[in-house]
Amino acid sequence: MDNDVSAGNGITTVVGRLALGITLLAFGLGYTGVIDGVSAADAVSIAQYVGGIALFVAGLMALRDRDSANGTAFVALGALWFTWAVSADAAVSANAAGLFLLLFALVALSLTLAGGDQLGQGAYGLFFVGLLLMAIAVFADNDGLTKVGGWFAVAAGAVAWYAATAALAHWPTALPRRAAGRGVTATG
């Protein structure tokens, strides 16, 4: 594996990915129902303060450091997490909740397609699938699909957490590439 730590441009990226990872893990585990007595409602405080405010501030710091990709991602996701958290107790229709998740998913899709390092794209891609499944589940009133979406959010959180930890610990952050052709081995 490649030990070139390309998971961001500095400490703001690490902080942003840690905030995103922790928020996604709490959010996803809440929706999976795998931990007795823990629901998505229990993730609201983490989503508001860690995923919302801290992630938004990390995005502003990244933009100040001229890291437009991570800055844009963290600011947009921070604003959406904050909105999700403060509206968690609001009485809205199922269709309105599904629409919010669908719009949130479109942001995650944009971040996935924007490029960047493999771990970032992986985290955003998994998050997109999770949000899309949850939106469909809300529209269709399907609790099983919500749990599957929660597992995708858990996987996205684990990838975001790994990306941040790998940058700090100098762990591998990219998959090794194959040599030019079949049977060709690199020496060195």
C-alpha atoms as a PDB file:
ATOM      1  CA  MET A   1       0.000   0.000   0.000  1.00  0.00           C
ATOM      2  CA  ASP A   2       1.041   3.568  -0.599  1.00  0.00           C
ATOM      3  CA  ASN A   3       2.086   5.426   2.548  1.00  0.00           C
ATOM      4  CA  ASP A   4       1.875   8.822   0.871  1.00  0.00           C
ATOM      5  CA  VAL A   5      -0.531  10.638   3.130  1.00  0.00           C
ATOM      6  CA  SER A   6      -2.691  12.471   0.626  1.00  0.00           C
ATOM      7  CA  ALA A   7      -5.827  12.571   2.724  1.00  0.00           C
ATOM      8  CA  GLY A   8      -5.924  16.360   2.844  1.00  0.00           C
ATOM      9  CA  ASN A   9      -3.950  19.532   3.087  1.00  0.00           C
ATOM     10  CA  GLY A  10      -3.409  19.752   6.807  1.00  0.00           C
ATOM     11  CA  ILE A  11      -4.916  19.765  10.220  1.00  0.00           C
ATOM     12  CA  THR A  12      -8.186  21.363   9.084  1.00  0.00           C
ATOM     13  CA  THR A  13      -8.814  18.399   6.816  1.00  0.00           C
ATOM     14  CA  VAL A  14      -8.064  16.014   9.672  1.00  0.00           C
ATOM     15  CA  VAL A  15     -10.416  17.875  12.021  1.00  0.00           C
ATOM     16  CA  GLY A  16     -13.109  18.031   9.345  1.00  0.00           C
ATOM     17  CA  ARG A  17     -12.874  14.345   8.574  1.00  0.00           C
ATOM     18  CA  LEU A  18     -12.897  13.411  12.252  1.00  0.00           C
ATOM     19  CA  ALA A  19     -16.011  15.547  12.769  1.00  0.00           C
ATOM     20  CA  LEU A  20     -17.676  14.026   9.718  1.00  0.00           C
ATOM     21  CA  GLY A  21     -16.675  10.490  10.710  1.00  0.00           C
ATOM     22  CA  ILE A  22     -17.970  10.771  14.274  1.00  0.00           C
ATOM     23  CA  THR A  23     -21.221  12.351  13.089  1.00  0.00           C
ATOM     24  CA  LEU A  24     -21.787   9.711  10.422  1.00  0.00           C
ATOM     25  CA  LEU A  25     -21.073   6.895  12.868  1.00  0.00           C
ATOM     26  CA  ALA A  26     -23.558   8.272  15.424  1.00  0.00           C
ATOM     27  CA  PHE A  27     -26.181   9.023  12.745  1.00  0.00           C
ATOM     28  CA  GLY A  28     -25.782   5.651  11.014  1.00  0.00           C
ATOM     29  CA  LEU A  29     -25.710   3.562  14.189  1.00  0.00           C
ATOM     30  CA  GLY A  30     -28.836   5.361  15.357  1.00  0.00           C
ATOM     31  CA  TYR A  31     -30.692   4.358  12.204  1.00  0.00           C
ATOM     32  CA  THR A  32     -29.459   0.752  12.191  1.00  0.00           C
ATOM     33  CA  GLY A  33     -30.976   0.008  15.586  1.00  0.00           C
ATOM     34  CA  VAL A  34     -28.069  -2.316  16.303  1.00  0.00           C
ATOM     35  CA  ILE A  35     -27.423  -0.826  19.766  1.00  0.00           C
ATOM     36  CA  ASP A  36     -30.330  -1.360  22.132  1.00  0.00           C
ATOM     37  CA  GLY A  37     -31.941   1.914  23.184  1.00  0.00           C
ATOM     38  CA  VAL A  38     -29.978   4.053  20.699  1.00  0.00           C
ATOM     39  CA  SER A  39     -31.857   5.782  17.902  1.00  0.00           C
ATOM     40  CA  ALA A  40     -31.154   8.498  15.353  1.00  0.00           C
ATOM     41  CA  ALA A  41     -32.642  11.002  17.812  1.00  0.00           C
ATOM     42  CA  ASP A  42     -29.648  10.322  20.058  1.00  0.00           C
ATOM     43  CA  ALA A  43     -27.341  11.625  17.326  1.00  0.00           C
ATOM     44  CA  VAL A  44     -28.955  15.068  17.220  1.00  0.00           C
ATOM     45  CA  SER A  45     -26.522  16.747  19.653  1.00  0.00           C
ATOM     46  CA  ILE A  46     -23.496  15.291  17.869  1.00  0.00           C
ATOM     47  CA  ALA A  47     -24.945  16.324  14.506  1.00  0.00           C
ATOM     48  CA  GLN A  48     -25.618  19.862  15.709  1.00  0.00           C
ATOM     49  CA  TYR A  49     -22.315  20.600  17.428  1.00  0.00           C
ATOM     50  CA  VAL A  50     -19.767  18.254  15.841  1.00  0.00           C
ATOM     51  CA  GLY A  51     -21.265  17.665  12.402  1.00  0.00           C
ATOM     52  CA  GLY A  52     -22.819  21.109  12.160  1.00  0.00           C
ATOM     53  CA  ILE A  53     -20.829  23.805  13.911  1.00  0.00           C
ATOM     54  CA  ALA A  54     -17.371  22.177  14.150  1.00  0.00           C
ATOM     55  CA  LEU A  55     -17.504  20.871  10.572  1.00  0.00           C
ATOM     56  CA  PHE A  56     -18.677  24.265   9.278  1.00  0.00           C
ATOM     57  CA  VAL A  57     -15.838  26.054  11.110  1.00  0.00           C
ATOM     58  CA  ALA A  58     -13.313  23.488   9.798  1.00  0.00           C
ATOM     59  CA  GLY A  59     -14.632  24.252   6.312  1.00  0.00           C
ATOM     60  CA  LEU A  60     -14.138  27.989   6.813  1.00  0.00           C
ATOM     61  CA  MET A  61     -10.580  27.352   8.030  1.00  0.00           C
ATOM     62  CA  ALA A  62      -9.897  25.129   5.009  1.00  0.00           C
ATOM     63  CA  LEU A  63     -11.209  27.834   2.679  1.00  0.00           C
ATOM     64  CA  ARG A  64      -8.940  30.332   4.430  1.00  0.00           C
ATOM     65  CA  ASP A  65      -6.031  27.948   3.763  1.00  0.00           C
ATOM     66  CA  ARG A  66      -7.053  27.900   0.056  1.00  0.00           C
ATOM     67  CA  ASP A  67      -8.259  24.287   0.238  1.00  0.00           C
ATOM     68  CA  SER A  68     -11.394  24.900  -1.780  1.00  0.00           C
ATOM     69  CA  ALA A  69     -12.389  21.232  -2.194  1.00  0.00           C
ATOM     70  CA  ASN A  70     -12.428  20.317   1.502  1.00  0.00           C
ATOM     71  CA  GLY A  71     -13.578  23.782   2.502  1.00  0.00           C
ATOM     72  CA  THR A  72     -16.602  23.582   0.251  1.00  0.00           C
ATOM     73  CA  ALA A  73     -17.395  20.035   1.376  1.00  0.00           C
ATOM     74  CA  PHE A  74     -17.126  20.793   5.087  1.00  0.00           C
ATOM     75  CA  VAL A  75     -19.099  24.059   4.908  1.00  0.00           C
ATOM     76  CA  ALA A  76     -21.923  22.473   2.885  1.00  0.00           C
ATOM     77  CA  LEU A  77     -22.095  19.334   5.026  1.00  0.00           C
ATOM     78  CA  GLY A  78     -21.833  21.360   8.237  1.00  0.00           C
ATOM     79  CA  ALA A  79     -24.777  23.520   7.206  1.00  0.00           C
ATOM     80  CA  LEU A  80     -26.845  20.459   6.293  1.00  0.00           C
ATOM     81  CA  TRP A  81     -25.992  18.600   9.517  1.00  0.00           C
ATOM     82  CA  PHE A  82     -26.913  21.674  11.561  1.00  0.00           C
ATOM     83  CA  THR A  83     -30.207  21.975   9.692  1.00  0.00           C
ATOM     84  CA  TRP A  84     -30.975  18.281  10.222  1.00  0.00           C
ATOM     85  CA  ALA A  85     -30.231  18.586  13.944  1.00  0.00           C
ATOM     86  CA  VAL A  86     -32.259  21.717  14.668  1.00  0.00           C
ATOM     87  CA  SER A  87     -35.238  20.449  12.680  1.00  0.00           C
ATOM     88  CA  ALA A  88     -35.228  16.952  14.206  1.00  0.00           C
ATOM     89  CA  ASP A  89     -38.126  17.729  16.536  1.00  0.00           C
ATOM     90  CA  ALA A  90     -40.110  19.674  13.938  1.00  0.00           C
ATOM     91  CA  ALA A  91     -43.398  18.234  12.795  1.00  0.00           C
ATOM     92  CA  VAL A  92     -42.947  17.790   9.047  1.00  0.00           C
ATOM     93  CA  SER A  93     -44.572  15.429   6.596  1.00  0.00           C
ATOM     94  CA  ALA A  94     -42.820  12.227   5.591  1.00  0.00           C
ATOM     95  CA  ASN A  95     -42.467  13.617   2.075  1.00  0.00           C
ATOM     96  CA  ALA A  96     -40.744  16.757   3.385  1.00  0.00           C
ATOM     97  CA  ALA A  97     -38.324  14.635   5.434  1.00  0.00           C
ATOM     98  CA  GLY A  98     -37.654  12.424   2.408  1.00  0.00           C
ATOM     99  CA  LEU A  99     -37.059  15.464   0.220  1.00  0.00           C
ATOM    100  CA  PHE A 100     -34.524  16.849   2.701  1.00  0.00           C
ATOM    101  CA  LEU A 101     -32.651  13.521   2.695  1.00  0.00           C
ATOM    102  CA  LEU A 102     -32.755  13.452  -1.104  1.00  0.00           C
ATOM    103  CA  LEU A 103     -31.343  16.977  -1.357  1.00  0.00           C
ATOM    104  CA  PHE A 104     -28.702  16.099   1.227  1.00  0.00           C
ATOM    105  CA  ALA A 105     -27.862  13.046  -0.924  1.00  0.00           C
ATOM    106  CA  LEU A 106     -27.376  15.262  -3.983  1.00  0.00           C
ATOM    107  CA  VAL A 107     -24.748  17.263  -2.099  1.00  0.00           C
ATOM    108  CA  ALA A 108     -22.967  14.027  -1.164  1.00  0.00           C
ATOM    109  CA  LEU A 109     -23.138  12.913  -4.816  1.00  0.00           C
ATOM    110  CA  SER A 110     -21.615  16.207  -5.963  1.00  0.00           C
ATOM    111  CA  LEU A 111     -18.771  15.773  -3.469  1.00  0.00           C
ATOM    112  CA  THR A 112     -18.227  12.204  -4.668  1.00  0.00           C
ATOM    113  CA  LEU A 113     -18.027  13.245  -8.317  1.00  0.00           C
ATOM    114  CA  ALA A 114     -15.838  16.283  -7.578  1.00  0.00           C
ATOM    115  CA  GLY A 115     -12.804  14.037  -7.297  1.00  0.00           C
ATOM    116  CA  GLY A 116     -10.124  14.118  -4.670  1.00  0.00           C
ATOM    117  CA  ASP A 117      -8.441  11.297  -2.850  1.00  0.00           C
ATOM    118  CA  GLN A 118      -9.817   7.748  -2.770  1.00  0.00           C
ATOM    119  CA  LEU A 119     -10.847   7.822   0.868  1.00  0.00           C
ATOM    120  CA  GLY A 120     -12.726  11.094   0.526  1.00  0.00           C
ATOM    121  CA  GLN A 121     -14.570   9.903  -2.552  1.00  0.00           C
ATOM    122  CA  GLY A 122     -15.304   6.604  -0.824  1.00  0.00           C
ATOM    123  CA  ALA A 123     -16.752   8.289   2.264  1.00  0.00           C
ATOM    124  CA  TYR A 124     -18.903  10.688   0.228  1.00  0.00           C
ATOM    125  CA  GLY A 125     -20.028   7.892  -2.114  1.00  0.00           C
ATOM    126  CA  LEU A 126     -21.095   5.636   0.753  1.00  0.00           C
ATOM    127  CA  PHE A 127     -22.850   8.570   2.409  1.00  0.00           C
ATOM    128  CA  PHE A 128     -24.682   9.318  -0.848  1.00  0.00           C
ATOM    129  CA  VAL A 129     -25.954   5.736  -1.097  1.00  0.00           C
ATOM    130  CA  GLY A 130     -27.019   5.787   2.555  1.00  0.00           C
ATOM    131  CA  LEU A 131     -28.935   9.045   2.200  1.00  0.00           C
ATOM    132  CA  LEU A 132     -30.550   7.928  -1.049  1.00  0.00           C
ATOM    133  CA  LEU A 133     -31.721   4.673   0.550  1.00  0.00           C
ATOM    134  CA  MET A 134     -33.046   6.575   3.570  1.00  0.00           C
ATOM    135  CA  ALA A 135     -34.909   9.046   1.347  1.00  0.00           C
ATOM    136  CA  ILE A 136     -36.517   6.203  -0.593  1.00  0.00           C
ATOM    137  CA  ALA A 137     -37.341   4.481   2.700  1.00  0.00           C
ATOM    138  CA  VAL A 138     -39.109   7.588   3.996  1.00  0.00           C
ATOM    139  CA  PHE A 139     -41.101   7.971   0.773  1.00  0.00           C
ATOM    140  CA  ALA A 140     -42.017   4.258   0.798  1.00  0.00           C
ATOM    141  CA  ASP A 141     -42.423   3.947   4.596  1.00  0.00           C
ATOM    142  CA  ASN A 142     -39.915   1.077   4.662  1.00  0.00           C
ATOM    143  CA  ASP A 143     -38.020   0.629   7.947  1.00  0.00           C
ATOM    144  CA  GLY A 144     -35.809  -2.139   6.562  1.00  0.00           C
ATOM    145  CA  LEU A 145     -34.433   0.141   3.867  1.00  0.00           C
ATOM    146  CA  THR A 146     -33.782   2.809   6.508  1.00  0.00           C
ATOM    147  CA  LYS A 147     -31.604   0.334   8.413  1.00  0.00           C
ATOM    148  CA  VAL A 148     -29.649  -0.523   5.255  1.00  0.00           C
ATOM    149  CA  GLY A 149     -29.111   3.193   4.652  1.00  0.00           C
ATOM    150  CA  GLY A 150     -27.897   3.495   8.231  1.00  0.00           C
ATOM    151  CA  TRP A 151     -25.284   0.818   7.595  1.00  0.00           C
ATOM    152  CA  PHE A 152     -24.026   2.732   4.566  1.00  0.00           C
ATOM    153  CA  ALA A 153     -23.724   5.824   6.788  1.00  0.00           C
ATOM    154  CA  VAL A 154     -21.768   3.759   9.341  1.00  0.00           C
ATOM    155  CA  ALA A 155     -19.403   2.586   6.581  1.00  0.00           C
ATOM    156  CA  ALA A 156     -18.989   6.183   5.372  1.00  0.00           C
ATOM    157  CA  GLY A 157     -18.206   7.291   8.920  1.00  0.00           C
ATOM    158  CA  ALA A 158     -15.617   4.544   9.308  1.00  0.00           C
ATOM    159  CA  VAL A 159     -13.933   5.582   6.047  1.00  0.00           C
ATOM    160  CA  ALA A 160     -13.912   9.277   7.054  1.00  0.00           C
ATOM    161  CA  TRP A 161     -12.527   8.374  10.468  1.00  0.00           C
ATOM    162  CA  TYR A 162      -9.839   6.200   8.870  1.00  0.00           C
ATOM    163  CA  ALA A 163      -8.878   8.992   6.467  1.00  0.00           C
ATOM    164  CA  ALA A 164      -8.331  11.397   9.363  1.00  0.00           C
ATOM    165  CA  THR A 165      -6.524   8.863  11.534  1.00  0.00           C
ATOM    166  CA  ALA A 166      -4.352   7.726   8.622  1.00  0.00           C
ATOM    167  CA  ALA A 167      -3.221  11.293   8.030  1.00  0.00           C
ATOM    168  CA  LEU A 168      -2.204  11.624  11.679  1.00  0.00           C
ATOM    169  CA  ALA A 169      -0.650   8.167  12.042  1.00  0.00           C
ATOM    170  CA  HIS A 170       0.936   8.075   8.561  1.00  0.00           C
ATOM    171  CA  TRP A 171      -1.026   4.983   7.614  1.00  0.00           C
ATOM    172  CA  PRO A 172      -1.698   4.054   3.982  1.00  0.00           C
ATOM    173  CA  THR A 173      -4.342   6.182   2.301  1.00  0.00           C
ATOM    174  CA  ALA A 174      -4.304   4.877  -1.257  1.00  0.00           C
ATOM    175  CA  LEU A 175      -4.651   1.444  -2.760  1.00  0.00           C
ATOM    176  CA  PRO A 176      -1.606   0.165  -4.604  1.00  0.00           C
ATOM    177  CA  ARG A 177      -1.708   0.467  -8.388  1.00  0.00           C
ATOM    178  CA  ARG A 178      -1.005  -2.451 -10.727  1.00  0.00           C
ATOM    179  CA  ALA A 179       2.094  -2.415 -12.853  1.00  0.00           C
ATOM    180  CA  ALA A 180       1.788  -1.562 -16.560  1.00  0.00           C
ATOM    181  CA  GLY A 181       0.751  -5.014 -17.752  1.00  0.00           C
ATOM    182  CA  ARG A 182       0.082  -8.573 -16.755  1.00  0.00           C
ATOM    183  CA  GLY A 183       3.083 -10.361 -15.384  1.00  0.00           C
ATOM    184  CA  VAL A 184       5.073  -7.148 -14.991  1.00  0.00           C
ATOM    185  CA  THR A 185       6.567  -6.678 -11.554  1.00  0.00           C
ATOM    186  CA  ALA A 186       8.188  -3.596 -10.186  1.00  0.00           C
ATOM    187  CA  THR A 187      11.690  -3.841  -8.828  1.00  0.00           C
ATOM    188  CA  GLY A 188      13.209  -1.595  -6.370  1.00  0.00           C
END
